[in-house]
C-alpha atoms as a PDB file:
ATOM      1  CA  MET A   1     132.007  78.930  87.205  1.00  0.00           C
ATOM      2  CA  VAL A   2     130.620  76.721  90.049  1.00  0.00           C
ATOM      3  CA  ASN A   3     132.227  73.524  91.173  1.00  0.00           C
ATOM      4  CA  GLY A   4     134.347  73.552  88.225  1.00  0.00           C
ATOM      5  CA  LYS A   5     130.896  73.614  85.516  1.00  0.00           C
ATOM      6  CA  LYS A   6     130.221  76.488  83.568  1.00  0.00           C
ATOM      7  CA  HIS A   7     126.779  78.179  84.169  1.00  0.00           C
ATOM      8  CA  THR A   8     124.630  77.048  81.690  1.00  0.00           C
ATOM      9  CA  SER A   9     123.819  81.377  80.704  1.00  0.00           C
ATOM     10  CA  THR A  10     127.236  82.220  80.236  1.00  0.00           C
ATOM     11  CA  ARG A  11     127.325  79.254  77.436  1.00  0.00           C
ATOM     12  CA  LYS A  12     124.194  80.870  76.095  1.00  0.00           C
ATOM     13  CA  THR A  13     125.283  84.356  76.153  1.00  0.00           C
ATOM     14  CA  SER A  14     128.455  83.326  74.506  1.00  0.00           C
ATOM     15  CA  ALA A  15     126.621  81.703  71.680  1.00  0.00           C
ATOM     16  CA  ARG A  16     124.381  84.011  71.430  1.00  0.00           C
ATOM     17  CA  HIS A  17     127.325  86.492  70.510  1.00  0.00           C
ATOM     18  CA  ARG A  18     129.048  84.089  68.302  1.00  0.00           C
ATOM     19  CA  ASP A  19     125.726  83.850  66.481  1.00  0.00           C
ATOM     20  CA  SER A  20     125.289  87.689  65.984  1.00  0.00           C
ATOM     21  CA  VAL A  21     128.998  88.254  65.343  1.00  0.00           C
ATOM     22  CA  VAL A  22     128.628  85.793  62.518  1.00  0.00           C
ATOM     23  CA  GLN A  23     125.452  87.729  61.455  1.00  0.00           C
ATOM     24  CA  LEU A  24     127.246  90.955  60.974  1.00  0.00           C
ATOM     25  CA  ARG A  25     129.722  89.654  59.407  1.00  0.00           C
ATOM     26  CA  ASN A  26     127.347  88.311  56.633  1.00  0.00           C
ATOM     27  CA  LYS A  27     125.420  91.253  56.039  1.00  0.00           C
ATOM     28  CA  PRO A  28     126.142  93.651  53.358  1.00  0.00           C
ATOM     29  CA  LEU A  29     127.382  97.214  54.517  1.00  0.00           C
ATOM     30  CA  ARG A  30     124.670  98.817  53.298  1.00  0.00           C
ATOM     31  CA  ASP A  31     122.415  97.272  55.215  1.00  0.00           C
ATOM     32  CA  LEU A  32     124.781  97.893  58.696  1.00  0.00           C
ATOM     33  CA  THR A  33     124.869 101.274  57.648  1.00  0.00           C
ATOM     34  CA  GLY A  34     121.429 101.954  57.480  1.00  0.00           C
ATOM     35  CA  ASP A  35     120.701  99.974  60.813  1.00  0.00           C
ATOM     36  CA  ALA A  36     123.705 102.588  62.090  1.00  0.00           C
ATOM     37  CA  LEU A  37     121.334 105.261  61.073  1.00  0.00           C
ATOM     38  CA  ARG A  38     118.019 104.505  61.906  1.00  0.00           C
ATOM     39  CA  SER A  39     119.253 103.360  65.613  1.00  0.00           C
ATOM     40  CA  TYR A  40     120.812 106.649  65.566  1.00  0.00           C
ATOM     41  CA  PHE A  41     117.384 108.263  64.830  1.00  0.00           C
ATOM     42  CA  ARG A  42     115.171 106.178  67.317  1.00  0.00           C
ATOM     43  CA  ASP A  43     118.154 107.478  70.026  1.00  0.00           C
ATOM     44  CA  LEU A  44     117.781 111.215  68.988  1.00  0.00           C
ATOM     45  CA  ASN A  45     115.524 111.436  72.100  1.00  0.00           C
ATOM     46  CA  GLY A  46     114.397 114.552  70.310  1.00  0.00           C
ATOM     47  CA  HIS A  47     116.938 116.281  69.362  1.00  0.00           C
ATOM     48  CA  ARG A  48     117.581 117.412  65.869  1.00  0.00           C
ATOM     49  CA  PRO A  49     120.488 115.627  63.864  1.00  0.00           C
ATOM     50  CA  ASN A  50     123.351 118.019  62.424  1.00  0.00           C
ATOM     51  CA  ALA A  51     125.664 117.624  59.922  1.00  0.00           C
ATOM     52  CA  LEU A  52     124.735 113.738  59.426  1.00  0.00           C
ATOM     53  CA  TYR A  53     127.019 113.555  56.731  1.00  0.00           C
ATOM     54  CA  ASP A  54     129.614 114.943  58.052  1.00  0.00           C
ATOM     55  CA  LEU A  55     129.660 112.845  61.067  1.00  0.00           C
ATOM     56  CA  VAL A  56     128.615 109.483  58.800  1.00  0.00           C
ATOM     57  CA  LEU A  57     131.865 110.344  56.336  1.00  0.00           C
ATOM     58  CA  GLY A  58     133.961 110.749  60.137  1.00  0.00           C
ATOM     59  CA  GLU A  59     133.299 107.392  61.038  1.00  0.00           C
ATOM     60  CA  VAL A  60     133.517 105.833  57.476  1.00  0.00           C
ATOM     61  CA  GLU A  61     136.433 106.808  55.985  1.00  0.00           C
ATOM     62  CA  PRO A  62     139.111 106.316  58.660  1.00  0.00           C
ATOM     63  CA  PRO A  63     138.820 102.881  58.407  1.00  0.00           C
ATOM     64  CA  LEU A  64     138.051 102.520  55.006  1.00  0.00           C
ATOM     65  CA  PHE A  65     141.442 104.306  54.737  1.00  0.00           C
ATOM     66  CA  GLU A  66     143.523 102.347  57.158  1.00  0.00           C
ATOM     67  CA  ALA A  67     141.847  99.344  55.536  1.00  0.00           C
ATOM     68  CA  VAL A  68     143.461 100.194  51.765  1.00  0.00           C
ATOM     69  CA  LEU A  69     146.475 101.311  53.162  1.00  0.00           C
ATOM     70  CA  ASP A  70     146.898  98.274  54.931  1.00  0.00           C
ATOM     71  CA  TYR A  71     145.981  96.461  51.613  1.00  0.00           C
ATOM     72  CA  THR A  72     148.632  98.149  49.944  1.00  0.00           C
ATOM     73  CA  GLY A  73     151.629  98.042  52.990  1.00  0.00           C
ATOM     74  CA  GLY A  74     151.096 101.865  52.915  1.00  0.00           C
ATOM     75  CA  ASN A  75     151.244 102.854  49.290  1.00  0.00           C
ATOM     76  CA  GLN A  76     149.351 105.652  48.829  1.00  0.00           C
ATOM     77  CA  SER A  77     149.635 106.271  45.316  1.00  0.00           C
ATOM     78  CA  ARG A  78     148.181 102.485  45.097  1.00  0.00           C
ATOM     79  CA  ALA A  79     145.711 103.301  47.901  1.00  0.00           C
ATOM     80  CA  ALA A  80     144.314 106.318  45.837  1.00  0.00           C
ATOM     81  CA  GLU A  81     144.143 104.630  42.562  1.00  0.00           C
ATOM     82  CA  ILE A  82     141.899 101.243  44.424  1.00  0.00           C
ATOM     83  CA  LEU A  83     140.098 104.560  46.128  1.00  0.00           C
ATOM     84  CA  GLY A  84     139.403 106.245  42.985  1.00  0.00           C
ATOM     85  CA  LEU A  85     141.054 109.497  44.400  1.00  0.00           C
ATOM     86  CA  ASN A  86     143.576 111.508  43.351  1.00  0.00           C
ATOM     87  CA  ARG A  87     146.325 110.972  45.570  1.00  0.00           C
ATOM     88  CA  ALA A  88     146.662 115.052  47.052  1.00  0.00           C
ATOM     89  CA  THR A  89     143.661 114.265  48.301  1.00  0.00           C
ATOM     90  CA  LEU A  90     143.903 110.936  49.844  1.00  0.00           C
ATOM     91  CA  ARG A  91     147.237 113.070  51.686  1.00  0.00           C
ATOM     92  CA  LYS A  92     144.260 115.803  52.122  1.00  0.00           C
ATOM     93  CA  LYS A  93     141.963 113.366  53.949  1.00  0.00           C
ATOM     94  CA  LEU A  94     144.934 111.234  55.652  1.00  0.00           C
ATOM     95  CA  LYS A  95     145.955 114.398  57.306  1.00  0.00           C
ATOM     96  CA  GLN A  96     142.629 115.675  58.414  1.00  0.00           C
ATOM     97  CA  TYR A  97     141.676 112.195  60.394  1.00  0.00           C
ATOM     98  CA  GLU A  98     145.354 112.367  60.975  1.00  0.00           C
ATOM     99  CA  LEU A  99     146.502 108.656  60.102  1.00  0.00           C
ATOM    100  CA  LEU A 100     150.089 109.873  58.152  1.00  0.00           C
ATOM    101  CA  GLY A 101     152.318 108.185  59.930  1.00  0.00           C
END
């Protein structure tokens, strides 16, 4: 801020950020995942990818479980039903990701 006025470049940056957030919110999860994976491969710098499936599951499952548990008020039976998982499988996954309260 100079003389009580915001710099134009700061306002432009804020507007660009806001626009990109809106674009992300309107993009399907499939597209966001594809974008993230393409970025991952682009940034490998000659390294070979390893255990990509586990990497993706490790990034996607925890927020999925957290969101569903939040939606169900922590009811694991309902969460398992919504996810299409056996309750024991859900508990195993929650333990794996240290999400048990």
